[in-house]
Amino acid sequence: MVAAVTTEVRPGRRRRRAAGSTSATQRSIYPSWFYLPAAALYLVFFAVPTFASFYFSLTRWTLFDTEFIGLENYVQFFSEPQLSQGFVNTLVYGFVTSGAKVVLGLALAVLLTSQLVGRGYLRSVVFFPVLVSTIGVGITFKALLDPFDGVVNTMLAAFGIDGPGWFTDPNQALLTIAAVDVWKGLGIATLIYIAGIVAIPQEYYEAARVDGASRWQQFRSITLPLVQPATATVIILSLIGGLRSFDLIWATTGGGPGFTSDVIGSVIYKQYQAGFYGLSTAGNVILFLVVTAVMVPISMLLNRKEVDR
């Protein structure tokens, strides 16, 4: 009797299980259709232009004609001093601005999370430059740092100091632009660090104070290790932005004086203006490869450190 009941029940269970698996399959397949619009946009606006850029960088092309020339554009890019100088300047600019934002952003974040009077107002002041147009910032600082009529050099002259040619001196132009870039982007780095510091449990600091740890020891042993995810985010965002920089440099010096403050972005624009479309496309590919080659190992290293902690 029991065996008969068992044999009658099992087919029903199998049928219910089969029906359940079919409905689960249907539910799992249905949401995948929502990926299609995003995939189509990715193909149209990223994948296809990227592969097309790789092809056109191997050609000498205009709007009406295309001639395949192989690696000639790349050879020319690295053989001409002004073009290769832009490559070096890009790396210098990216690492200088990124390093400065990490150090100054962390210092400001520690200050603005302490028991400071008016810290809410000061946070707004620090973040305000982020909201200003990059071109507007460039034009403003170009006027302020004018070597003859600028406000900064006029004030220095009042104290008997001869102000330098901030944007006109070949030895200072790139670093001056980097300083302006740091001023404008420091608010983002500070905001990220503030979020990281606020997320640290206060019990750690209370225990450290009970053990007699100084402020510096608390910073070195608690704050610095636990804001590692924020540091990784600031480094990645700042470095990508620095390597891809163009608008601020173009608004202040246009890559000058000469080619001393040119980066890959400004070199690409100048070659495109001159009608060397294939050479400018090769510059785009080089910029893409530089950002990828720099950021992939750095991202892997930072993420590995975060996991190890």
C-alpha atoms as a PDB file:
ATOM      1  CA  MET A   1       0.000   0.000   0.000  1.00  0.00           C
ATOM      2  CA  VAL A   2       2.787   2.369   0.974  1.00  0.00           C
ATOM      3  CA  ALA A   3       4.792   1.397  -2.082  1.00  0.00           C
ATOM      4  CA  ALA A   4       1.814   2.093  -4.315  1.00  0.00           C
ATOM      5  CA  VAL A   5       1.362   5.539  -2.822  1.00  0.00           C
ATOM      6  CA  THR A   6       5.043   6.240  -3.297  1.00  0.00           C
ATOM      7  CA  THR A   7       4.972   5.283  -6.945  1.00  0.00           C
ATOM      8  CA  GLU A   8       1.936   7.471  -7.488  1.00  0.00           C
ATOM      9  CA  VAL A   9       3.449  10.494  -5.808  1.00  0.00           C
ATOM     10  CA  ARG A  10       6.845  10.494  -7.551  1.00  0.00           C
ATOM     11  CA  PRO A  11       5.589  11.275 -11.070  1.00  0.00           C
ATOM     12  CA  GLY A  12       3.685  14.239  -9.694  1.00  0.00           C
ATOM     13  CA  ARG A  13       6.822  15.526  -8.005  1.00  0.00           C
ATOM     14  CA  ARG A  14       8.772  15.147 -11.209  1.00  0.00           C
ATOM     15  CA  ARG A  15       6.087  17.023 -13.098  1.00  0.00           C
ATOM     16  CA  ARG A  16       6.083  19.811 -10.531  1.00  0.00           C
ATOM     17  CA  ARG A  17       9.876  19.941 -10.585  1.00  0.00           C
ATOM     18  CA  ALA A  18       9.923  20.077 -14.363  1.00  0.00           C
ATOM     19  CA  ALA A  19       7.323  22.832 -14.380  1.00  0.00           C
ATOM     20  CA  GLY A  20       9.249  24.735 -11.736  1.00  0.00           C
ATOM     21  CA  SER A  21      12.538  24.459 -13.661  1.00  0.00           C
ATOM     22  CA  THR A  22      10.804  25.650 -16.842  1.00  0.00           C
ATOM     23  CA  SER A  23       9.385  28.707 -15.124  1.00  0.00           C
ATOM     24  CA  ALA A  24      12.776  29.428 -13.503  1.00  0.00           C
ATOM     25  CA  THR A  25      14.432  29.220 -16.918  1.00  0.00           C
ATOM     26  CA  GLN A  26      11.864  31.582 -18.346  1.00  0.00           C
ATOM     27  CA  ARG A  27      12.403  34.016 -15.492  1.00  0.00           C
ATOM     28  CA  SER A  28      16.193  33.890 -15.940  1.00  0.00           C
ATOM     29  CA  ILE A  29      15.996  34.437 -19.718  1.00  0.00           C
ATOM     30  CA  TYR A  30      13.463  37.265 -19.634  1.00  0.00           C
ATOM     31  CA  PRO A  31      15.608  39.926 -17.843  1.00  0.00           C
ATOM     32  CA  SER A  32      18.507  39.348 -20.249  1.00  0.00           C
ATOM     33  CA  TRP A  33      16.556  41.212 -22.931  1.00  0.00           C
ATOM     34  CA  PHE A  34      17.108  44.384 -20.949  1.00  0.00           C
ATOM     35  CA  TYR A  35      20.834  44.156 -21.729  1.00  0.00           C
ATOM     36  CA  LEU A  36      20.221  44.623 -25.445  1.00  0.00           C
ATOM     37  CA  PRO A  37      19.800  48.448 -25.458  1.00  0.00           C
ATOM     38  CA  ALA A  38      22.959  48.911 -23.388  1.00  0.00           C
ATOM     39  CA  ALA A  39      24.851  46.429 -25.565  1.00  0.00           C
ATOM     40  CA  ALA A  40      23.693  48.213 -28.730  1.00  0.00           C
ATOM     41  CA  LEU A  41      24.815  51.602 -27.366  1.00  0.00           C
ATOM     42  CA  TYR A  42      28.155  50.120 -26.307  1.00  0.00           C
ATOM     43  CA  LEU A  43      28.747  48.666 -29.769  1.00  0.00           C
ATOM     44  CA  VAL A  44      27.708  51.805 -31.640  1.00  0.00           C
ATOM     45  CA  PHE A  45      29.433  54.423 -29.483  1.00  0.00           C
ATOM     46  CA  PHE A  46      32.480  52.543 -28.162  1.00  0.00           C
ATOM     47  CA  ALA A  47      33.373  49.206 -29.742  1.00  0.00           C
ATOM     48  CA  VAL A  48      32.885  50.157 -33.403  1.00  0.00           C
ATOM     49  CA  PRO A  49      34.646  53.587 -33.129  1.00  0.00           C
ATOM     50  CA  THR A  50      37.511  51.976 -31.207  1.00  0.00           C
ATOM     51  CA  PHE A  51      38.194  49.316 -33.826  1.00  0.00           C
ATOM     52  CA  ALA A  52      37.683  51.885 -36.598  1.00  0.00           C
ATOM     53  CA  SER A  53      40.289  54.120 -34.941  1.00  0.00           C
ATOM     54  CA  PHE A  54      42.811  51.272 -34.926  1.00  0.00           C
ATOM     55  CA  TYR A  55      42.263  50.818 -38.664  1.00  0.00           C
ATOM     56  CA  PHE A  56      42.297  54.502 -39.631  1.00  0.00           C
ATOM     57  CA  SER A  57      45.475  55.054 -37.593  1.00  0.00           C
ATOM     58  CA  LEU A  58      47.181  52.851 -40.187  1.00  0.00           C
ATOM     59  CA  THR A  59      46.003  55.020 -43.059  1.00  0.00           C
ATOM     60  CA  ARG A  60      46.392  58.474 -44.525  1.00  0.00           C
ATOM     61  CA  TRP A  61      42.771  59.502 -44.818  1.00  0.00           C
ATOM     62  CA  THR A  62      40.502  62.417 -45.586  1.00  0.00           C
ATOM     63  CA  LEU A  63      36.750  62.659 -45.782  1.00  0.00           C
ATOM     64  CA  PHE A  64      36.870  61.411 -49.382  1.00  0.00           C
ATOM     65  CA  ASP A  65      39.935  59.175 -49.635  1.00  0.00           C
ATOM     66  CA  THR A  66      41.828  56.540 -47.642  1.00  0.00           C
ATOM     67  CA  GLU A  67      45.344  55.198 -48.262  1.00  0.00           C
ATOM     68  CA  PHE A  68      46.773  52.357 -46.187  1.00  0.00           C
ATOM     69  CA  ILE A  69      50.313  53.215 -45.013  1.00  0.00           C
ATOM     70  CA  GLY A  70      50.890  50.738 -42.187  1.00  0.00           C
ATOM     71  CA  LEU A  71      52.783  51.966 -39.129  1.00  0.00           C
ATOM     72  CA  GLU A  72      54.053  55.157 -40.763  1.00  0.00           C
ATOM     73  CA  ASN A  73      51.854  57.388 -38.581  1.00  0.00           C
ATOM     74  CA  TYR A  74      53.235  55.818 -35.412  1.00  0.00           C
ATOM     75  CA  VAL A  75      56.823  56.116 -36.632  1.00  0.00           C
ATOM     76  CA  GLN A  76      56.255  59.778 -37.417  1.00  0.00           C
ATOM     77  CA  PHE A  77      54.579  60.374 -34.057  1.00  0.00           C
ATOM     78  CA  PHE A  78      57.591  59.158 -32.086  1.00  0.00           C
ATOM     79  CA  SER A  79      60.257  60.473 -34.466  1.00  0.00           C
ATOM     80  CA  GLU A  80      59.231  64.146 -34.365  1.00  0.00           C
ATOM     81  CA  PRO A  81      60.451  65.861 -31.155  1.00  0.00           C
ATOM     82  CA  GLN A  82      57.333  67.937 -30.585  1.00  0.00           C
ATOM     83  CA  LEU A  83      55.112  64.858 -30.812  1.00  0.00           C
ATOM     84  CA  SER A  84      57.211  62.647 -28.551  1.00  0.00           C
ATOM     85  CA  GLN A  85      57.539  65.576 -26.112  1.00  0.00           C
ATOM     86  CA  GLY A  86      53.760  65.552 -25.769  1.00  0.00           C
ATOM     87  CA  PHE A  87      53.940  61.876 -24.810  1.00  0.00           C
ATOM     88  CA  VAL A  88      56.463  62.590 -22.034  1.00  0.00           C
ATOM     89  CA  ASN A  89      54.519  65.635 -20.820  1.00  0.00           C
ATOM     90  CA  THR A  90      51.366  63.544 -20.558  1.00  0.00           C
ATOM     91  CA  LEU A  91      53.026  61.084 -18.174  1.00  0.00           C
ATOM     92  CA  VAL A  92      54.598  63.870 -16.094  1.00  0.00           C
ATOM     93  CA  TYR A  93      51.345  65.811 -15.913  1.00  0.00           C
ATOM     94  CA  GLY A  94      49.275  62.742 -15.008  1.00  0.00           C
ATOM     95  CA  PHE A  95      51.524  61.514 -12.197  1.00  0.00           C
ATOM     96  CA  VAL A  96      52.199  64.991 -10.731  1.00  0.00           C
ATOM     97  CA  THR A  97      48.524  65.950 -10.548  1.00  0.00           C
ATOM     98  CA  SER A  98      47.486  62.534  -9.239  1.00  0.00           C
ATOM     99  CA  GLY A  99      50.129  62.472  -6.503  1.00  0.00           C
ATOM    100  CA  ALA A 100      49.336  66.029  -5.392  1.00  0.00           C
ATOM    101  CA  LYS A 101      45.598  65.293  -5.180  1.00  0.00           C
ATOM    102  CA  VAL A 102      46.226  62.203  -3.045  1.00  0.00           C
ATOM    103  CA  VAL A 103      48.479  63.997  -0.559  1.00  0.00           C
ATOM    104  CA  LEU A 104      46.563  67.291  -0.330  1.00  0.00           C
ATOM    105  CA  GLY A 105      43.146  65.605  -0.489  1.00  0.00           C
ATOM    106  CA  LEU A 106      43.964  63.338   2.448  1.00  0.00           C
ATOM    107  CA  ALA A 107      45.416  66.229   4.469  1.00  0.00           C
ATOM    108  CA  LEU A 108      42.340  68.388   3.886  1.00  0.00           C
ATOM    109  CA  ALA A 109      39.997  65.491   4.631  1.00  0.00           C
ATOM    110  CA  VAL A 110      41.689  64.866   7.995  1.00  0.00           C
ATOM    111  CA  LEU A 111      41.423  68.572   8.779  1.00  0.00           C
ATOM    112  CA  LEU A 112      37.778  68.856   7.713  1.00  0.00           C
ATOM    113  CA  THR A 113      36.691  65.805   9.730  1.00  0.00           C
ATOM    114  CA  SER A 114      38.242  67.133  12.933  1.00  0.00           C
ATOM    115  CA  GLN A 115      36.507  69.333  15.486  1.00  0.00           C
ATOM    116  CA  LEU A 116      37.036  72.470  13.418  1.00  0.00           C
ATOM    117  CA  VAL A 117      34.884  75.575  13.641  1.00  0.00           C
ATOM    118  CA  GLY A 118      32.985  76.190  10.401  1.00  0.00           C
ATOM    119  CA  ARG A 119      34.055  72.914   8.808  1.00  0.00           C
ATOM    120  CA  GLY A 120      30.800  72.676   6.838  1.00  0.00           C
ATOM    121  CA  TYR A 121      31.492  76.031   5.208  1.00  0.00           C
ATOM    122  CA  LEU A 122      35.114  75.087   4.545  1.00  0.00           C
ATOM    123  CA  ARG A 123      34.016  71.855   2.859  1.00  0.00           C
ATOM    124  CA  SER A 124      31.862  73.901   0.501  1.00  0.00           C
ATOM    125  CA  VAL A 125      34.770  76.222  -0.240  1.00  0.00           C
ATOM    126  CA  VAL A 126      37.074  73.314  -1.042  1.00  0.00           C
ATOM    127  CA  PHE A 127      34.490  71.675  -3.299  1.00  0.00           C
ATOM    128  CA  PHE A 128      33.444  74.854  -5.121  1.00  0.00           C
ATOM    129  CA  PRO A 129      36.181  74.768  -7.854  1.00  0.00           C
ATOM    130  CA  VAL A 130      34.859  71.390  -9.012  1.00  0.00           C
ATOM    131  CA  LEU A 131      31.604  73.063 -10.050  1.00  0.00           C
ATOM    132  CA  VAL A 132      33.312  75.718 -12.179  1.00  0.00           C
ATOM    133  CA  SER A 133      33.840  75.173 -15.908  1.00  0.00           C
ATOM    134  CA  THR A 134      37.350  74.006 -16.771  1.00  0.00           C
ATOM    135  CA  ILE A 135      37.594  76.490 -19.638  1.00  0.00           C
ATOM    136  CA  GLY A 136      36.454  79.273 -17.289  1.00  0.00           C
ATOM    137  CA  VAL A 137      39.114  78.268 -14.774  1.00  0.00           C
ATOM    138  CA  GLY A 138      41.775  78.286 -17.476  1.00  0.00           C
ATOM    139  CA  ILE A 139      40.820  81.732 -18.776  1.00  0.00           C
ATOM    140  CA  THR A 140      40.645  83.141 -15.238  1.00  0.00           C
ATOM    141  CA  PHE A 141      44.072  81.873 -14.220  1.00  0.00           C
ATOM    142  CA  LYS A 142      45.553  82.978 -17.523  1.00  0.00           C
ATOM    143  CA  ALA A 143      44.490  86.518 -16.630  1.00  0.00           C
ATOM    144  CA  LEU A 144      45.557  86.260 -12.977  1.00  0.00           C
ATOM    145  CA  LEU A 145      48.995  84.869 -13.829  1.00  0.00           C
ATOM    146  CA  ASP A 146      49.745  87.148 -16.754  1.00  0.00           C
ATOM    147  CA  PRO A 147      53.447  88.037 -16.428  1.00  0.00           C
ATOM    148  CA  PHE A 148      52.872  91.754 -17.073  1.00  0.00           C
ATOM    149  CA  ASP A 149      49.353  92.715 -16.026  1.00  0.00           C
ATOM    150  CA  GLY A 150      48.338  89.779 -13.849  1.00  0.00           C
ATOM    151  CA  VAL A 151      47.145  90.327 -10.296  1.00  0.00           C
ATOM    152  CA  VAL A 152      49.614  87.810  -8.840  1.00  0.00           C
ATOM    153  CA  ASN A 153      52.740  89.392 -10.348  1.00  0.00           C
ATOM    154  CA  THR A 154      51.450  92.874  -9.540  1.00  0.00           C
ATOM    155  CA  MET A 155      51.151  91.906  -5.869  1.00  0.00           C
ATOM    156  CA  LEU A 156      54.605  90.334  -5.920  1.00  0.00           C
ATOM    157  CA  ALA A 157      56.033  93.487  -7.467  1.00  0.00           C
ATOM    158  CA  ALA A 158      54.609  95.494  -4.562  1.00  0.00           C
ATOM    159  CA  PHE A 159      56.944  93.508  -2.295  1.00  0.00           C
ATOM    160  CA  GLY A 160      59.893  93.915  -4.651  1.00  0.00           C
ATOM    161  CA  ILE A 161      59.664  90.432  -6.106  1.00  0.00           C
ATOM    162  CA  ASP A 162      59.885  89.854  -9.845  1.00  0.00           C
ATOM    163  CA  GLY A 163      57.116  87.436 -10.670  1.00  0.00           C
ATOM    164  CA  PRO A 164      57.937  84.590 -13.070  1.00  0.00           C
ATOM    165  CA  GLY A 165      56.322  83.982 -16.420  1.00  0.00           C
ATOM    166  CA  TRP A 166      53.906  81.400 -15.136  1.00  0.00           C
ATOM    167  CA  PHE A 167      52.516  80.323 -18.513  1.00  0.00           C
ATOM    168  CA  THR A 168      55.240  81.831 -20.712  1.00  0.00           C
ATOM    169  CA  ASP A 169      58.341  80.283 -19.170  1.00  0.00           C
ATOM    170  CA  PRO A 170      59.075  76.917 -20.862  1.00  0.00           C
ATOM    171  CA  ASN A 171      60.414  75.509 -17.588  1.00  0.00           C
ATOM    172  CA  GLN A 172      57.325  76.440 -15.559  1.00  0.00           C
ATOM    173  CA  ALA A 173      54.338  76.321 -17.909  1.00  0.00           C
ATOM    174  CA  LEU A 174      53.470  72.629 -17.500  1.00  0.00           C
ATOM    175  CA  LEU A 175      53.878  72.643 -13.708  1.00  0.00           C
ATOM    176  CA  THR A 176      51.807  75.820 -13.430  1.00  0.00           C
ATOM    177  CA  ILE A 177      48.973  74.181 -15.359  1.00  0.00           C
ATOM    178  CA  ALA A 178      49.330  71.110 -13.143  1.00  0.00           C
ATOM    179  CA  ALA A 179      48.950  73.317 -10.052  1.00  0.00           C
ATOM    180  CA  VAL A 180      45.767  74.854 -11.484  1.00  0.00           C
ATOM    181  CA  ASP A 181      44.465  71.364 -12.264  1.00  0.00           C
ATOM    182  CA  VAL A 182      45.126  70.284  -8.674  1.00  0.00           C
ATOM    183  CA  TRP A 183      43.294  73.370  -7.362  1.00  0.00           C
ATOM    184  CA  LYS A 184      40.273  72.581  -9.492  1.00  0.00           C
ATOM    185  CA  GLY A 185      40.100  68.827  -8.856  1.00  0.00           C
ATOM    186  CA  LEU A 186      41.129  68.758  -5.204  1.00  0.00           C
ATOM    187  CA  GLY A 187      37.521  68.960  -4.027  1.00  0.00           C
ATOM    188  CA  ILE A 188      36.640  65.551  -5.466  1.00  0.00           C
ATOM    189  CA  ALA A 189      39.641  63.899  -3.830  1.00  0.00           C
ATOM    190  CA  THR A 190      38.848  65.565  -0.494  1.00  0.00           C
ATOM    191  CA  LEU A 191      35.209  64.494  -0.675  1.00  0.00           C
ATOM    192  CA  ILE A 192      36.165  60.870  -1.332  1.00  0.00           C
ATOM    193  CA  TYR A 193      38.612  60.883   1.567  1.00  0.00           C
ATOM    194  CA  ILE A 194      36.049  62.491   3.890  1.00  0.00           C
ATOM    195  CA  ALA A 195      33.615  59.676   3.081  1.00  0.00           C
ATOM    196  CA  GLY A 196      36.332  57.118   3.808  1.00  0.00           C
ATOM    197  CA  ILE A 197      37.339  58.689   7.119  1.00  0.00           C
ATOM    198  CA  VAL A 198      33.748  59.112   8.328  1.00  0.00           C
ATOM    199  CA  ALA A 199      33.135  55.408   7.648  1.00  0.00           C
ATOM    200  CA  ILE A 200      35.891  54.365  10.099  1.00  0.00           C
ATOM    201  CA  PRO A 201      34.337  53.226  13.427  1.00  0.00           C
ATOM    202  CA  GLN A 202      35.082  55.683  16.231  1.00  0.00           C
ATOM    203  CA  GLU A 203      35.716  52.792  18.605  1.00  0.00           C
ATOM    204  CA  TYR A 204      39.133  52.327  16.988  1.00  0.00           C
ATOM    205  CA  TYR A 205      40.157  55.881  17.856  1.00  0.00           C
ATOM    206  CA  GLU A 206      38.742  55.607  21.378  1.00  0.00           C
ATOM    207  CA  ALA A 207      40.712  52.423  22.010  1.00  0.00           C
ATOM    208  CA  ALA A 208      43.867  54.046  20.629  1.00  0.00           C
ATOM    209  CA  ARG A 209      43.426  57.084  22.884  1.00  0.00           C
ATOM    210  CA  VAL A 210      42.951  54.807  25.887  1.00  0.00           C
ATOM    211  CA  ASP A 211      46.244  53.115  24.991  1.00  0.00           C
ATOM    212  CA  GLY A 212      47.922  56.518  24.894  1.00  0.00           C
ATOM    213  CA  ALA A 213      48.371  56.813  21.112  1.00  0.00           C
ATOM    214  CA  SER A 214      49.133  60.286  19.795  1.00  0.00           C
ATOM    215  CA  ARG A 215      47.277  61.907  16.877  1.00  0.00           C
ATOM    216  CA  TRP A 216      50.083  60.995  14.501  1.00  0.00           C
ATOM    217  CA  GLN A 217      50.039  57.370  15.689  1.00  0.00           C
ATOM    218  CA  GLN A 218      46.262  57.242  15.243  1.00  0.00           C
ATOM    219  CA  PHE A 219      46.605  58.604  11.725  1.00  0.00           C
ATOM    220  CA  ARG A 220      49.413  56.209  10.780  1.00  0.00           C
ATOM    221  CA  SER A 221      47.920  53.074  12.350  1.00  0.00           C
ATOM    222  CA  ILE A 222      44.167  53.609  11.856  1.00  0.00           C
ATOM    223  CA  THR A 223      43.296  56.314   9.343  1.00  0.00           C
ATOM    224  CA  LEU A 224      45.913  55.641   6.691  1.00  0.00           C
ATOM    225  CA  PRO A 225      45.340  51.855   6.392  1.00  0.00           C
ATOM    226  CA  LEU A 226      41.536  52.076   6.543  1.00  0.00           C
ATOM    227  CA  VAL A 227      41.225  54.744   3.832  1.00  0.00           C
ATOM    228  CA  GLN A 228      43.045  52.485   1.371  1.00  0.00           C
ATOM    229  CA  PRO A 229      39.869  52.032  -0.764  1.00  0.00           C
ATOM    230  CA  ALA A 230      39.452  55.819  -0.933  1.00  0.00           C
ATOM    231  CA  THR A 231      43.120  56.208  -1.885  1.00  0.00           C
ATOM    232  CA  ALA A 232      42.717  53.676  -4.692  1.00  0.00           C
ATOM    233  CA  THR A 233      39.673  55.550  -6.009  1.00  0.00           C
ATOM    234  CA  VAL A 234      41.421  58.936  -5.910  1.00  0.00           C
ATOM    235  CA  ILE A 235      44.532  57.598  -7.649  1.00  0.00           C
ATOM    236  CA  ILE A 236      42.550  55.929 -10.431  1.00  0.00           C
ATOM    237  CA  LEU A 237      40.243  58.877 -11.098  1.00  0.00           C
ATOM    238  CA  SER A 238      43.009  61.490 -10.885  1.00  0.00           C
ATOM    239  CA  LEU A 239      45.436  59.544 -13.034  1.00  0.00           C
ATOM    240  CA  ILE A 240      42.902  58.864 -15.758  1.00  0.00           C
ATOM    241  CA  GLY A 241      41.878  62.524 -15.760  1.00  0.00           C
ATOM    242  CA  GLY A 242      45.510  63.677 -15.859  1.00  0.00           C
ATOM    243  CA  LEU A 243      46.486  61.386 -18.725  1.00  0.00           C
ATOM    244  CA  ARG A 244      43.452  62.498 -20.737  1.00  0.00           C
ATOM    245  CA  SER A 245      43.886  66.212 -20.003  1.00  0.00           C
ATOM    246  CA  PHE A 246      43.339  68.715 -22.791  1.00  0.00           C
ATOM    247  CA  ASP A 247      40.831  71.486 -22.060  1.00  0.00           C
ATOM    248  CA  LEU A 248      42.717  73.220 -19.246  1.00  0.00           C
ATOM    249  CA  ILE A 249      46.001  73.128 -21.157  1.00  0.00           C
ATOM    250  CA  TRP A 250      44.384  74.461 -24.301  1.00  0.00           C
ATOM    251  CA  ALA A 251      42.638  77.285 -22.412  1.00  0.00           C
ATOM    252  CA  THR A 252      45.824  78.462 -20.677  1.00  0.00           C
ATOM    253  CA  THR A 253      48.796  77.940 -23.019  1.00  0.00           C
ATOM    254  CA  GLY A 254      47.522  76.114 -26.082  1.00  0.00           C
ATOM    255  CA  GLY A 255      50.456  73.751 -25.618  1.00  0.00           C
ATOM    256  CA  GLY A 256      53.014  76.552 -25.595  1.00  0.00           C
ATOM    257  CA  PRO A 257      55.346  78.240 -25.314  1.00  0.00           C
ATOM    258  CA  GLY A 258      56.507  76.259 -28.300  1.00  0.00           C
ATOM    259  CA  PHE A 259      55.613  72.667 -27.519  1.00  0.00           C
ATOM    260  CA  THR A 260      56.757  72.654 -23.891  1.00  0.00           C
ATOM    261  CA  SER A 261      53.313  72.157 -22.356  1.00  0.00           C
ATOM    262  CA  ASP A 262      51.847  69.968 -25.097  1.00  0.00           C
ATOM    263  CA  VAL A 263      50.232  66.695 -24.039  1.00  0.00           C
ATOM    264  CA  ILE A 264      48.881  63.944 -26.245  1.00  0.00           C
ATOM    265  CA  GLY A 265      45.433  65.529 -26.231  1.00  0.00           C
ATOM    266  CA  SER A 266      46.666  68.896 -27.506  1.00  0.00           C
ATOM    267  CA  VAL A 267      48.967  67.200 -30.033  1.00  0.00           C
ATOM    268  CA  ILE A 268      46.000  65.272 -31.409  1.00  0.00           C
ATOM    269  CA  TYR A 269      43.975  68.467 -31.743  1.00  0.00           C
ATOM    270  CA  LYS A 270      46.793  70.353 -33.479  1.00  0.00           C
ATOM    271  CA  GLN A 271      47.375  67.548 -35.977  1.00  0.00           C
ATOM    272  CA  TYR A 272      43.666  67.389 -36.702  1.00  0.00           C
ATOM    273  CA  GLN A 273      43.575  71.167 -37.240  1.00  0.00           C
ATOM    274  CA  ALA A 274      46.471  70.857 -39.692  1.00  0.00           C
ATOM    275  CA  GLY A 275      44.626  68.197 -41.696  1.00  0.00           C
ATOM    276  CA  PHE A 276      46.773  65.213 -40.635  1.00  0.00           C
ATOM    277  CA  TYR A 277      43.799  63.055 -39.774  1.00  0.00           C
ATOM    278  CA  GLY A 278      45.642  59.745 -39.835  1.00  0.00           C
ATOM    279  CA  LEU A 279      48.362  61.084 -37.537  1.00  0.00           C
ATOM    280  CA  SER A 280      45.787  62.490 -35.111  1.00  0.00           C
ATOM    281  CA  THR A 281      43.976  59.138 -35.115  1.00  0.00           C
ATOM    282  CA  ALA A 282      47.254  57.396 -34.308  1.00  0.00           C
ATOM    283  CA  GLY A 283      47.633  59.822 -31.400  1.00  0.00           C
ATOM    284  CA  ASN A 284      44.197  58.797 -30.138  1.00  0.00           C
ATOM    285  CA  VAL A 285      45.199  55.143 -30.275  1.00  0.00           C
ATOM    286  CA  ILE A 286      48.456  55.898 -28.458  1.00  0.00           C
ATOM    287  CA  LEU A 287      46.533  57.784 -25.774  1.00  0.00           C
ATOM    288  CA  PHE A 288      44.148  54.840 -25.382  1.00  0.00           C
ATOM    289  CA  LEU A 289      47.041  52.389 -25.079  1.00  0.00           C
ATOM    290  CA  VAL A 290      48.921  54.635 -22.636  1.00  0.00           C
ATOM    291  CA  VAL A 291      45.918  54.990 -20.326  1.00  0.00           C
ATOM    292  CA  THR A 292      45.283  51.235 -20.511  1.00  0.00           C
ATOM    293  CA  ALA A 293      48.934  50.277 -19.965  1.00  0.00           C
ATOM    294  CA  VAL A 294      49.245  52.605 -16.965  1.00  0.00           C
ATOM    295  CA  MET A 295      45.874  52.043 -15.322  1.00  0.00           C
ATOM    296  CA  VAL A 296      45.468  48.249 -15.592  1.00  0.00           C
ATOM    297  CA  PRO A 297      48.538  47.294 -13.506  1.00  0.00           C
ATOM    298  CA  ILE A 298      47.936  50.138 -11.044  1.00  0.00           C
ATOM    299  CA  SER A 299      44.298  49.079 -10.594  1.00  0.00           C
ATOM    300  CA  MET A 300      45.331  45.446 -10.097  1.00  0.00           C
ATOM    301  CA  LEU A 301      47.980  46.451  -7.553  1.00  0.00           C
ATOM    302  CA  LEU A 302      45.627  48.709  -5.586  1.00  0.00           C
ATOM    303  CA  ASN A 303      42.822  46.137  -5.587  1.00  0.00           C
ATOM    304  CA  ARG A 304      45.223  43.405  -4.459  1.00  0.00           C
ATOM    305  CA  LYS A 305      46.373  45.563  -1.547  1.00  0.00           C
ATOM    306  CA  GLU A 306      42.752  46.239  -0.620  1.00  0.00           C
ATOM    307  CA  VAL A 307      41.934  42.508  -0.621  1.00  0.00           C
ATOM    308  CA  ASP A 308      45.050  41.683   1.423  1.00  0.00           C
ATOM    309  CA  ARG A 309      43.946  44.114   4.111  1.00  0.00           C
END
